Amino acid sequence: MLRILVIDDEESARFIIRHIIDEYCPDVELVGEADGVESGIAQINALQPDLVLLDIHLKDGSGFDLLRTLDVIRFKVVFVTAYEKYAIEAIKFSALNYFLKPVDPQELATLLNFYAPKTERENTALKLNAFFTNLMPDFEGKKKIVLEGDSGVFLVNINDIIWCENLENQTRFFLKNAEKITINKPMKAYLDLLLDQKFFRLNKNFLVNLRQCTGFDESGASNIITSDNCFLPFNPEKRKGLQQSLANL
C-alpha cells in the first residue's frame, strides 16, 4: 500500500485528491493532509509517508521552502502547480513528476497507480539537487539533468554532454572524459529539453551539443566534428541552419 501525504493550501484541491484516491486508487492510502510549510513538516515527521503530493504555493511559504528545511528526504515527491514555465522546466530536467491544476482525475490516478507497486526508494535527494540548481536565475552553464538508467541514476551537467545517439528505444549519451551512459528511453524524450539548451538535431539518430563542436569535416563531407574527435553526419540541407546556430553561440 502506497502511503500518501497531501500538502496543499486549497481545501478544494485536497478534497478532489481525496475523492480520486478513494474512487480510483485501491492500493493507495491517504494518511494525512497539511496546508503549509510548518504543518507539512510536522506531518512528514509524524507520518513518514512514501510519497508527498506537494503544492508549490503554500499559505506560509512554498513547497521549495519545505524541502529545503528537511535534513533527510526519504519519500518520493510529486509537485502540484499551476502552469509556471520556469518551475516545470526545472522539474523535467530533474526527472521529477508533477501535475497541473486544475487536477485531471485520470492523470492523477494514473500517476498514483504507477507509483503504488513500487517499493524501492527513489533517489529523491539527487533529483532535488538538480532541481534546486536548475531553479537558480543564473543557472546558465550550470544546468543539470538527471538520467535514469539500468545501472543507476546519474546527475550530469548539461555542458558535459557532447552528443547523443538514438538507439531505437534507447539513448546513449557521450560525455566528457570518454564516459558513456545508456538510458532506456528514445531520444525524442530528451529533444524538447535539450534543443532549448544549444543542442542541434543533426538527423534522426544524432543530437549534438553545439558548444562541443570544433568544426566541419574539411573533406567536404556532411560531418560535424566534436570535441571528442567524432565525425557526426548531418543532413546536407541542415548545413545552413547548423552554421547559423554555431555563429549564434
Protein backbone atom coordinates (compact mmCIF):
# COMPACT_ATOMS: atom_id res chain seq x y z
CA MET A 1 0.00 0.00 0.00
CA LEU A 2 1.40 3.40 -1.04
CA ARG A 3 1.07 5.89 1.84
CA ILE A 4 0.49 9.45 0.62
CA LEU A 5 0.56 12.84 2.32
CA VAL A 6 -1.08 15.79 0.54
CA ILE A 7 0.30 19.29 1.22
CA ASP A 8 -1.83 21.94 -0.48
CA ASP A 9 -3.21 25.23 0.82
CA GLU A 10 -6.51 24.83 -1.06
CA GLU A 11 -9.15 22.73 0.68
CA SER A 12 -10.94 22.21 -2.65
CA ALA A 13 -7.79 20.73 -4.18
CA ARG A 14 -7.31 18.38 -1.23
CA PHE A 15 -10.98 17.32 -1.48
CA ILE A 16 -10.56 16.42 -5.15
CA ILE A 17 -7.43 14.40 -4.42
CA ARG A 18 -9.21 12.54 -1.60
CA HIS A 19 -12.03 11.66 -3.98
CA ILE A 20 -9.67 10.44 -6.72
CA ILE A 21 -7.76 8.21 -4.29
CA ASP A 22 -10.98 6.77 -2.83
CA GLU A 23 -12.52 6.05 -6.22
CA TYR A 24 -9.62 5.08 -8.47
CA CYS A 25 -6.57 4.09 -6.42
CA PRO A 26 -7.21 0.87 -4.46
CA ASP A 27 -3.55 0.43 -3.49
CA VAL A 28 -3.08 4.00 -2.27
CA GLU A 29 -3.77 5.23 1.28
CA LEU A 30 -4.11 8.93 2.08
CA VAL A 31 -2.51 9.11 5.53
CA GLY A 32 -2.70 12.86 6.12
CA GLU A 33 -3.08 16.40 4.85
CA ALA A 34 -1.45 19.76 5.51
CA ASP A 35 -1.81 23.28 4.15
CA GLY A 36 1.55 24.90 4.78
CA VAL A 37 5.27 24.55 5.34
CA GLU A 38 5.12 24.25 9.13
CA SER A 39 2.17 21.87 9.22
CA GLY A 40 3.62 19.88 6.31
CA ILE A 41 6.92 19.30 8.06
CA ALA A 42 5.10 18.20 11.21
CA GLN A 43 3.03 15.70 9.22
CA ILE A 44 6.05 14.35 7.36
CA ASN A 45 7.91 13.74 10.62
CA ALA A 46 4.89 12.14 12.27
CA LEU A 47 3.60 10.00 9.38
CA GLN A 48 6.74 9.10 7.38
CA PRO A 49 4.83 8.93 4.05
CA ASP A 50 6.05 7.06 0.98
CA LEU A 51 5.05 9.92 -1.32
CA VAL A 52 4.19 13.59 -0.85
CA LEU A 53 1.91 15.46 -3.24
CA LEU A 54 3.37 18.94 -2.74
CA ASP A 55 1.83 22.20 -3.89
CA ILE A 56 4.39 24.81 -4.90
CA HIS A 57 2.44 27.69 -3.31
CA LEU A 58 1.53 27.20 0.37
CA LYS A 59 -0.06 29.52 2.90
CA ASP A 60 3.18 30.22 4.81
CA GLY A 61 5.79 29.81 2.09
CA SER A 62 6.47 27.44 -0.78
CA GLY A 63 6.95 23.74 -1.34
CA PHE A 64 10.57 24.58 -2.09
CA ASP A 65 10.96 26.13 1.37
CA LEU A 66 9.57 22.94 2.91
CA LEU A 67 12.00 20.68 1.06
CA ARG A 68 14.99 22.88 1.87
CA THR A 69 14.10 22.71 5.57
CA LEU A 70 14.32 18.92 5.74
CA ASP A 71 17.69 17.38 6.59
CA VAL A 72 16.80 14.00 5.07
CA ILE A 73 14.19 13.20 2.41
CA ARG A 74 13.12 9.56 2.35
CA PHE A 75 9.90 9.98 0.36
CA LYS A 76 9.06 10.47 -3.29
CA VAL A 77 7.88 13.94 -4.34
CA VAL A 78 5.24 14.84 -6.91
CA PHE A 79 4.69 18.58 -7.37
CA VAL A 80 1.31 20.22 -7.81
CA THR A 81 1.36 23.53 -9.67
CA ALA A 82 -0.42 25.95 -11.89
CA TYR A 83 1.45 26.39 -15.17
CA GLU A 84 4.79 28.04 -14.36
CA LYS A 85 7.32 27.55 -17.12
CA TYR A 86 10.44 28.05 -15.01
CA ALA A 87 9.38 25.50 -12.39
CA ILE A 88 8.11 22.90 -14.86
CA GLU A 89 11.32 23.08 -16.88
CA ALA A 90 13.39 22.53 -13.74
CA ILE A 91 11.14 19.63 -12.71
CA LYS A 92 11.52 17.92 -16.09
CA PHE A 93 15.31 18.24 -16.11
CA SER A 94 15.39 16.71 -12.65
CA ALA A 95 13.32 13.62 -13.62
CA LEU A 96 10.68 14.52 -11.04
CA ASN A 97 6.95 14.23 -11.62
CA TYR A 98 4.26 16.91 -11.47
CA PHE A 99 0.68 17.55 -12.40
CA LEU A 100 -1.12 20.79 -13.19
CA LYS A 101 -4.07 22.50 -11.58
CA PRO A 102 -6.94 22.12 -12.10
CA VAL A 103 -6.35 18.47 -11.35
CA ASP A 104 -7.20 15.98 -14.09
CA PRO A 105 -8.60 12.92 -12.22
CA GLN A 106 -7.47 10.40 -14.80
CA GLU A 107 -3.97 11.86 -14.98
CA LEU A 108 -3.54 11.87 -11.22
CA ALA A 109 -4.99 8.37 -10.77
CA THR A 110 -2.66 7.02 -13.47
CA LEU A 111 0.36 8.60 -11.78
CA LEU A 112 -0.52 7.33 -8.30
CA ASN A 113 -1.29 3.83 -9.56
CA PHE A 114 2.07 3.88 -11.35
CA TYR A 115 3.83 4.54 -8.04
CA ALA A 116 1.70 2.16 -5.94
CA PRO A 117 3.54 -1.13 -6.70
CA LYS A 118 6.99 0.46 -6.49
CA THR A 119 8.51 -0.38 -3.13
CA GLU A 120 12.07 0.79 -3.83
CA ARG A 121 13.10 4.22 -2.62
CA GLU A 122 13.63 6.86 -5.25
CA ASN A 123 16.86 8.84 -5.25
CA THR A 124 14.94 11.97 -4.31
CA ALA A 125 17.90 13.81 -2.78
CA LEU A 126 19.90 13.61 -6.02
CA LYS A 127 16.93 14.74 -8.09
CA LEU A 128 16.25 17.67 -5.79
CA ASN A 129 19.93 18.64 -6.02
CA ALA A 130 19.42 19.05 -9.75
CA PHE A 131 16.06 20.72 -9.28
CA PHE A 132 17.31 23.47 -6.98
CA THR A 133 20.33 24.10 -9.19
CA ASN A 134 18.09 24.46 -12.22
CA LEU A 135 15.82 26.92 -10.38
CA MET A 136 18.66 29.41 -9.91
CA PRO A 137 18.25 32.51 -12.09
CA ASP A 138 21.95 32.43 -13.03
CA PHE A 139 21.98 28.76 -13.96
CA GLU A 140 23.49 29.33 -17.43
CA GLY A 141 26.36 26.90 -17.73
CA LYS A 142 25.33 25.11 -14.52
CA LYS A 143 22.10 23.40 -15.56
CA LYS A 144 21.93 19.71 -14.69
CA ILE A 145 19.91 16.81 -15.98
CA VAL A 146 19.04 13.58 -14.20
CA LEU A 147 19.47 10.45 -16.34
CA GLU A 148 17.92 7.24 -15.04
CA GLY A 149 19.46 4.06 -16.44
CA ASP A 150 19.56 0.38 -15.57
CA SER A 151 22.93 0.88 -13.92
CA GLY A 152 21.82 3.76 -11.72
CA VAL A 153 20.74 7.39 -11.56
CA PHE A 154 23.19 9.95 -12.91
CA LEU A 155 23.40 13.67 -12.27
CA VAL A 156 25.00 15.27 -15.33
CA ASN A 157 25.93 18.84 -16.14
CA ILE A 158 24.36 19.74 -19.49
CA ASN A 159 27.67 21.18 -20.71
CA ASP A 160 29.35 17.81 -20.12
CA ILE A 161 27.17 16.13 -22.76
CA ILE A 162 28.99 16.15 -26.10
CA TRP A 163 26.45 14.30 -28.22
CA CYS A 164 23.59 11.81 -28.07
CA GLU A 165 22.82 8.79 -30.23
CA ASN A 166 19.35 7.34 -30.79
CA LEU A 167 19.31 3.53 -30.45
CA GLU A 168 15.72 2.52 -31.20
CA ASN A 169 14.17 2.69 -27.71
CA GLN A 170 17.38 3.82 -26.02
CA THR A 171 19.55 6.93 -25.96
CA ARG A 172 23.31 6.84 -25.49
CA PHE A 173 24.91 9.96 -24.03
CA PHE A 174 28.57 10.64 -24.82
CA LEU A 175 30.15 12.76 -22.12
CA LYS A 176 33.44 14.44 -21.40
CA ASN A 177 36.18 12.16 -20.06
CA ALA A 178 35.03 9.46 -22.53
CA GLU A 179 32.11 8.45 -20.29
CA LYS A 180 29.02 6.89 -21.86
CA ILE A 181 25.56 6.46 -20.33
CA THR A 182 22.78 4.44 -21.98
CA ILE A 183 19.20 5.21 -20.96
CA ASN A 184 16.13 3.11 -21.78
CA LYS A 185 14.26 5.99 -23.37
CA PRO A 186 14.20 7.06 -27.03
CA MET A 187 16.00 10.28 -27.92
CA LYS A 188 12.67 12.06 -28.53
CA ALA A 189 12.14 12.00 -24.76
CA TYR A 190 15.00 14.50 -24.42
CA LEU A 191 14.55 16.61 -27.54
CA ASP A 192 12.35 19.34 -26.09
CA LEU A 193 14.67 19.77 -23.12
CA LEU A 194 17.99 19.77 -24.94
CA LEU A 195 17.08 21.68 -28.09
CA ASP A 196 16.48 24.71 -25.85
CA GLN A 197 19.97 24.28 -24.38
CA LYS A 198 22.04 24.92 -27.52
CA PHE A 199 21.76 21.38 -28.88
CA PHE A 200 21.14 20.70 -32.58
CA ARG A 201 19.46 17.67 -34.14
CA LEU A 202 21.72 16.58 -37.00
CA ASN A 203 19.39 13.81 -38.20
CA LYS A 204 17.08 11.23 -36.67
CA ASN A 205 19.99 9.46 -34.93
CA PHE A 206 22.27 12.22 -33.65
CA LEU A 207 21.87 15.22 -31.37
CA VAL A 208 24.92 17.37 -30.72
CA ASN A 209 25.87 19.99 -28.13
CA LEU A 210 26.84 22.99 -30.26
CA ARG A 211 29.27 24.15 -27.57
CA GLN A 212 31.16 20.88 -28.07
CA CYS A 213 31.58 21.25 -31.85
CA THR A 214 35.07 22.03 -33.13
CA GLY A 215 34.44 22.40 -36.87
CA PHE A 216 33.26 20.82 -40.11
CA ASP A 217 34.81 17.93 -41.98
CA GLU A 218 37.46 19.52 -44.24
CA SER A 219 36.92 16.84 -46.86
CA GLY A 220 33.60 18.47 -47.71
CA ALA A 221 31.54 15.58 -46.39
CA SER A 222 28.48 16.49 -44.34
CA ASN A 223 30.06 15.78 -40.97
CA ILE A 224 30.46 17.92 -37.86
CA ILE A 225 33.50 17.28 -35.66
CA THR A 226 33.02 17.15 -31.89
CA SER A 227 35.39 17.79 -29.01
CA ASP A 228 35.87 14.04 -28.55
CA ASN A 229 37.05 13.87 -32.19
CA CYS A 230 33.95 12.13 -33.55
CA PHE A 231 32.66 12.85 -37.05
CA LEU A 232 28.87 13.01 -36.87
CA PRO A 233 26.89 13.04 -40.13
CA PHE A 234 24.18 15.64 -40.66
CA ASN A 235 21.56 16.06 -43.36
CA PRO A 236 23.12 18.29 -46.05
CA GLU A 237 20.03 20.51 -46.13
CA LYS A 238 20.69 21.35 -42.47
CA ARG A 239 24.15 22.82 -43.12
CA LYS A 240 22.96 26.42 -43.30
CA GLY A 241 20.92 26.13 -40.11
CA LEU A 242 23.79 24.40 -38.35
CA GLN A 243 26.23 27.11 -39.41
CA GLN A 244 23.86 29.82 -38.23
CA SER A 245 23.30 28.11 -34.88
CA LEU A 246 27.06 27.83 -34.34
CA ALA A 247 27.52 31.50 -35.26
CA ASN A 248 24.86 32.49 -32.69
CA LEU A 249 26.63 30.84 -29.75
